[in-house]
C-alpha cells in the first residue's frame, strides 16, 4: 500500500512539473505590469501614425491635416475590407477551403504602396527623402518578423 501511495505522489508531482513547463499557452507580455499591451483602435492608430510622421518629417499644420485625412480614409477602407475578408474566411472554413494568403499579402502590400505614394504627393522633396528612409526601415522590420523566406524563394 505504501508503494502505491509513493507512486501516486510521484506521478502527481511529475504531472504538475510537466504542466508548469508547458505554461498557459499564451504569448508572454511585453509590459512590466505583466499584462498584455493595449491594442489601439483605428482612431488611435491614425493619431499615433500622424503624430509620428509629423515629428519625423517636420510636417506643416496643413500637411498634417491632409496626412491625417488620408490615413483616416485609408483606415476606413481597410476596416471595411477586413470585415469582408473575415466573412469570406468564415465561409471558406465552412466549405472546408483555405484562403490564399499570398493573394491577401499582395493586396495588403499594394494598399501600403498606394498609401505611401499618396503621402509622398503631399511632401516636399526633402521630406520625400526622409519618408523613403522610413518606408525602407519599415520593410526591414517586416522582413525580420517573417519566420522564413517567402514561398518560392530560397528553394532550389
C-alpha atoms as a PDB file:
ATOM      1  CA  UNK A   1       0.000   0.000   0.000  1.00  0.00           C
ATOM      2  CA  UNK A   2       2.898   2.301   0.826  1.00  0.00           C
ATOM      3  CA  UNK A   3       4.430   1.733  -2.593  1.00  0.00           C
ATOM      4  CA  UNK A   4       1.156   2.603  -4.324  1.00  0.00           C
ATOM      5  CA  UNK A   5       0.898   5.847  -2.348  1.00  0.00           C
ATOM      6  CA  UNK A   6       4.517   6.822  -3.179  1.00  0.00           C
ATOM      7  CA  UNK A   7       3.969   6.069  -6.882  1.00  0.00           C
ATOM      8  CA  UNK A   8       0.785   8.182  -6.916  1.00  0.00           C
ATOM      9  CA  UNK A   9       2.572  11.115  -5.241  1.00  0.00           C
ATOM     10  CA  UNK A  10       5.481  10.874  -7.687  1.00  0.00           C
ATOM     11  CA  UNK A  11       3.078  10.711 -10.633  1.00  0.00           C
ATOM     12  CA  UNK A  12       1.200  13.807  -9.445  1.00  0.00           C
ATOM     13  CA  UNK A  13       4.476  15.634  -8.895  1.00  0.00           C
ATOM     14  CA  UNK A  14       5.713  14.827 -12.387  1.00  0.00           C
ATOM     15  CA  UNK A  15       2.377  15.834 -13.843  1.00  0.00           C
ATOM     16  CA  UNK A  16       2.457  19.218 -12.098  1.00  0.00           C
ATOM     17  CA  UNK A  17       6.065  19.849 -13.214  1.00  0.00           C
ATOM     18  CA  UNK A  18       5.167  18.993 -16.811  1.00  0.00           C
ATOM     19  CA  UNK A  19       2.157  21.332 -16.705  1.00  0.00           C
ATOM     20  CA  UNK A  20       4.258  24.151 -15.254  1.00  0.00           C
ATOM     21  CA  UNK A  21       6.839  23.771 -18.010  1.00  0.00           C
ATOM     22  CA  UNK A  22       4.194  23.751 -20.692  1.00  0.00           C
ATOM     23  CA  UNK A  23       2.790  27.055 -19.436  1.00  0.00           C
ATOM     24  CA  UNK A  24      -0.512  28.658 -20.239  1.00  0.00           C
ATOM     25  CA  UNK A  25      -0.019  28.706 -23.994  1.00  0.00           C
ATOM     26  CA  UNK A  26      -0.233  32.498 -24.128  1.00  0.00           C
ATOM     27  CA  UNK A  27       2.481  34.699 -25.544  1.00  0.00           C
ATOM     28  CA  UNK A  28       4.496  36.485 -22.891  1.00  0.00           C
ATOM     29  CA  UNK A  29       3.558  40.069 -22.288  1.00  0.00           C
ATOM     30  CA  UNK A  30       5.838  42.936 -23.166  1.00  0.00           C
ATOM     31  CA  UNK A  31       4.838  45.219 -20.312  1.00  0.00           C
ATOM     32  CA  UNK A  32       6.362  45.492 -16.875  1.00  0.00           C
ATOM     33  CA  UNK A  33       3.000  45.046 -15.178  1.00  0.00           C
ATOM     34  CA  UNK A  34       2.649  41.555 -16.647  1.00  0.00           C
ATOM     35  CA  UNK A  35      -0.372  42.457 -18.736  1.00  0.00           C
ATOM     36  CA  UNK A  36      -0.593  42.380 -22.488  1.00  0.00           C
ATOM     37  CA  UNK A  37      -0.275  45.778 -24.130  1.00  0.00           C
ATOM     38  CA  UNK A  38      -3.423  47.668 -25.051  1.00  0.00           C
ATOM     39  CA  UNK A  39      -4.485  47.204 -28.666  1.00  0.00           C
ATOM     40  CA  UNK A  40      -5.115  50.542 -30.290  1.00  0.00           C
ATOM     41  CA  UNK A  41      -8.388  51.152 -32.055  1.00  0.00           C
ATOM     42  CA  UNK A  42      -8.270  52.567 -35.616  1.00  0.00           C
ATOM     43  CA  UNK A  43      -8.617  56.170 -34.474  1.00  0.00           C
ATOM     44  CA  UNK A  44      -5.741  55.790 -32.025  1.00  0.00           C
ATOM     45  CA  UNK A  45      -3.570  54.205 -34.727  1.00  0.00           C
ATOM     46  CA  UNK A  46      -4.276  57.105 -37.097  1.00  0.00           C
ATOM     47  CA  UNK A  47      -3.459  59.637 -34.354  1.00  0.00           C
ATOM     48  CA  UNK A  48      -0.270  57.783 -33.451  1.00  0.00           C
ATOM     49  CA  UNK A  49       0.883  57.441 -37.049  1.00  0.00           C
ATOM     50  CA  UNK A  50       0.064  61.080 -37.841  1.00  0.00           C
ATOM     51  CA  UNK A  51       1.964  62.321 -34.789  1.00  0.00           C
ATOM     52  CA  UNK A  52       4.961  60.133 -35.631  1.00  0.00           C
ATOM     53  CA  UNK A  53       5.064  61.362 -39.245  1.00  0.00           C
ATOM     54  CA  UNK A  54       4.596  64.977 -38.130  1.00  0.00           C
ATOM     55  CA  UNK A  55       7.597  64.657 -35.842  1.00  0.00           C
ATOM     56  CA  UNK A  56       9.838  62.648 -38.188  1.00  0.00           C
ATOM     57  CA  UNK A  57       9.089  64.673 -41.320  1.00  0.00           C
ATOM     58  CA  UNK A  58       8.527  68.051 -39.643  1.00  0.00           C
ATOM     59  CA  UNK A  59       5.149  68.432 -41.345  1.00  0.00           C
ATOM     60  CA  UNK A  60       3.367  71.773 -41.508  1.00  0.00           C
ATOM     61  CA  UNK A  61      -0.089  72.056 -39.962  1.00  0.00           C
ATOM     62  CA  UNK A  62      -1.669  71.883 -43.422  1.00  0.00           C
ATOM     63  CA  UNK A  63       0.346  68.771 -44.349  1.00  0.00           C
ATOM     64  CA  UNK A  64      -0.512  67.168 -41.016  1.00  0.00           C
ATOM     65  CA  UNK A  65      -4.236  67.718 -41.594  1.00  0.00           C
ATOM     66  CA  UNK A  66      -4.018  66.247 -45.108  1.00  0.00           C
ATOM     67  CA  UNK A  67      -1.986  63.243 -43.947  1.00  0.00           C
ATOM     68  CA  UNK A  68      -4.440  62.586 -41.123  1.00  0.00           C
ATOM     69  CA  UNK A  69      -7.412  62.789 -43.524  1.00  0.00           C
ATOM     70  CA  UNK A  70      -5.657  60.398 -45.909  1.00  0.00           C
ATOM     71  CA  UNK A  71      -4.782  57.923 -43.169  1.00  0.00           C
ATOM     72  CA  UNK A  72      -8.330  58.083 -41.778  1.00  0.00           C
ATOM     73  CA  UNK A  73      -9.891  57.398 -45.190  1.00  0.00           C
ATOM     74  CA  UNK A  74      -7.486  54.519 -45.828  1.00  0.00           C
ATOM     75  CA  UNK A  75      -8.140  53.083 -42.368  1.00  0.00           C
ATOM     76  CA  UNK A  76     -11.889  53.114 -43.002  1.00  0.00           C
ATOM     77  CA  UNK A  77     -11.410  51.317 -46.332  1.00  0.00           C
ATOM     78  CA  UNK A  78      -9.104  48.819 -44.664  1.00  0.00           C
ATOM     79  CA  UNK A  79     -11.637  48.127 -41.899  1.00  0.00           C
ATOM     80  CA  UNK A  80     -14.390  47.524 -44.473  1.00  0.00           C
ATOM     81  CA  UNK A  81     -12.132  45.176 -46.458  1.00  0.00           C
ATOM     82  CA  UNK A  82     -11.141  43.380 -43.263  1.00  0.00           C
ATOM     83  CA  UNK A  83     -14.780  42.735 -42.353  1.00  0.00           C
ATOM     84  CA  UNK A  84     -15.481  41.452 -45.858  1.00  0.00           C
ATOM     85  CA  UNK A  85     -12.384  39.229 -45.720  1.00  0.00           C
ATOM     86  CA  UNK A  86     -13.477  37.876 -42.321  1.00  0.00           C
ATOM     87  CA  UNK A  87     -16.829  36.846 -43.804  1.00  0.00           C
ATOM     88  CA  UNK A  88     -15.100  35.234 -46.799  1.00  0.00           C
ATOM     89  CA  UNK A  89     -12.754  33.332 -44.483  1.00  0.00           C
ATOM     90  CA  UNK A  90     -15.660  32.081 -42.379  1.00  0.00           C
ATOM     91  CA  UNK A  91     -17.491  30.913 -45.494  1.00  0.00           C
ATOM     92  CA  UNK A  92     -14.342  29.205 -46.801  1.00  0.00           C
ATOM     93  CA  UNK A  93     -13.857  27.401 -43.473  1.00  0.00           C
ATOM     94  CA  UNK A  94     -17.424  26.156 -43.545  1.00  0.00           C
ATOM     95  CA  UNK A  95     -16.824  24.804 -47.042  1.00  0.00           C
ATOM     96  CA  UNK A  96     -13.516  23.249 -45.992  1.00  0.00           C
ATOM     97  CA  UNK A  97     -11.401  25.539 -48.171  1.00  0.00           C
ATOM     98  CA  UNK A  98      -8.451  27.767 -47.353  1.00  0.00           C
ATOM     99  CA  UNK A  99      -7.928  31.394 -48.280  1.00  0.00           C
ATOM    100  CA  UNK A 100      -4.957  32.305 -50.481  1.00  0.00           C
ATOM    101  CA  UNK A 101      -2.589  34.006 -48.031  1.00  0.00           C
ATOM    102  CA  UNK A 102      -0.201  35.089 -50.791  1.00  0.00           C
ATOM    103  CA  UNK A 103      -3.033  36.893 -52.536  1.00  0.00           C
ATOM    104  CA  UNK A 104      -4.052  38.609 -49.302  1.00  0.00           C
ATOM    105  CA  UNK A 105      -0.462  39.673 -48.612  1.00  0.00           C
ATOM    106  CA  UNK A 106      -0.068  41.011 -52.156  1.00  0.00           C
ATOM    107  CA  UNK A 107      -3.272  43.039 -51.759  1.00  0.00           C
ATOM    108  CA  UNK A 108      -2.049  44.448 -48.455  1.00  0.00           C
ATOM    109  CA  UNK A 109       1.312  45.397 -49.964  1.00  0.00           C
ATOM    110  CA  UNK A 110      -0.445  47.081 -52.898  1.00  0.00           C
ATOM    111  CA  UNK A 111      -2.578  49.087 -50.426  1.00  0.00           C
ATOM    112  CA  UNK A 112       0.502  50.151 -48.486  1.00  0.00           C
ATOM    113  CA  UNK A 113       2.367  51.144 -51.666  1.00  0.00           C
ATOM    114  CA  UNK A 114      -0.596  53.217 -52.830  1.00  0.00           C
ATOM    115  CA  UNK A 115      -0.842  54.900 -49.412  1.00  0.00           C
ATOM    116  CA  UNK A 116       2.882  55.634 -49.435  1.00  0.00           C
ATOM    117  CA  UNK A 117       2.569  57.278 -52.858  1.00  0.00           C
ATOM    118  CA  UNK A 118      -0.407  59.341 -51.694  1.00  0.00           C
ATOM    119  CA  UNK A 119       1.539  60.545 -48.670  1.00  0.00           C
ATOM    120  CA  UNK A 120       4.611  61.342 -50.779  1.00  0.00           C
ATOM    121  CA  UNK A 121       2.437  63.529 -53.041  1.00  0.00           C
ATOM    122  CA  UNK A 122       1.836  65.782 -50.006  1.00  0.00           C
ATOM    123  CA  UNK A 123       5.525  66.165 -49.128  1.00  0.00           C
ATOM    124  CA  UNK A 124       8.400  68.409 -50.160  1.00  0.00           C
ATOM    125  CA  UNK A 125      11.461  66.875 -51.858  1.00  0.00           C
ATOM    126  CA  UNK A 126      13.407  66.877 -48.567  1.00  0.00           C
ATOM    127  CA  UNK A 127      10.503  65.235 -46.736  1.00  0.00           C
ATOM    128  CA  UNK A 128      10.137  62.632 -49.513  1.00  0.00           C
ATOM    129  CA  UNK A 129      13.741  61.530 -48.967  1.00  0.00           C
ATOM    130  CA  UNK A 130      13.099  61.136 -45.226  1.00  0.00           C
ATOM    131  CA  UNK A 131       9.848  59.280 -45.911  1.00  0.00           C
ATOM    132  CA  UNK A 132      11.614  56.901 -48.308  1.00  0.00           C
ATOM    133  CA  UNK A 133      14.021  56.068 -45.469  1.00  0.00           C
ATOM    134  CA  UNK A 134      11.087  55.469 -43.093  1.00  0.00           C
ATOM    135  CA  UNK A 135       9.469  53.118 -45.627  1.00  0.00           C
ATOM    136  CA  UNK A 136      12.769  51.278 -46.109  1.00  0.00           C
ATOM    137  CA  UNK A 137      13.179  50.791 -42.349  1.00  0.00           C
ATOM    138  CA  UNK A 138       9.572  49.587 -42.083  1.00  0.00           C
ATOM    139  CA  UNK A 139      10.222  46.989 -44.803  1.00  0.00           C
ATOM    140  CA  UNK A 140      13.338  45.783 -42.974  1.00  0.00           C
ATOM    141  CA  UNK A 141      11.390  45.392 -39.715  1.00  0.00           C
ATOM    142  CA  UNK A 142       8.718  43.406 -41.529  1.00  0.00           C
ATOM    143  CA  UNK A 143      11.350  41.099 -43.031  1.00  0.00           C
ATOM    144  CA  UNK A 144      12.719  40.442 -39.539  1.00  0.00           C
ATOM    145  CA  UNK A 145       9.253  39.397 -38.347  1.00  0.00           C
ATOM    146  CA  UNK A 146       8.744  36.834 -41.103  1.00  0.00           C
ATOM    147  CA  UNK A 147       9.687  33.332 -39.988  1.00  0.00           C
ATOM    148  CA  UNK A 148      11.487  32.349 -43.182  1.00  0.00           C
ATOM    149  CA  UNK A 149      11.899  33.087 -46.851  1.00  0.00           C
ATOM    150  CA  UNK A 150       8.706  33.719 -48.795  1.00  0.00           C
ATOM    151  CA  UNK A 151       7.356  30.651 -50.588  1.00  0.00           C
ATOM    152  CA  UNK A 152       9.217  30.109 -53.836  1.00  0.00           C
ATOM    153  CA  UNK A 153      12.359  31.956 -52.714  1.00  0.00           C
ATOM    154  CA  UNK A 154      15.469  30.233 -51.480  1.00  0.00           C
ATOM    155  CA  UNK A 155      14.199  26.826 -52.565  1.00  0.00           C
ATOM    156  CA  UNK A 156      16.234  25.075 -55.222  1.00  0.00           C
END
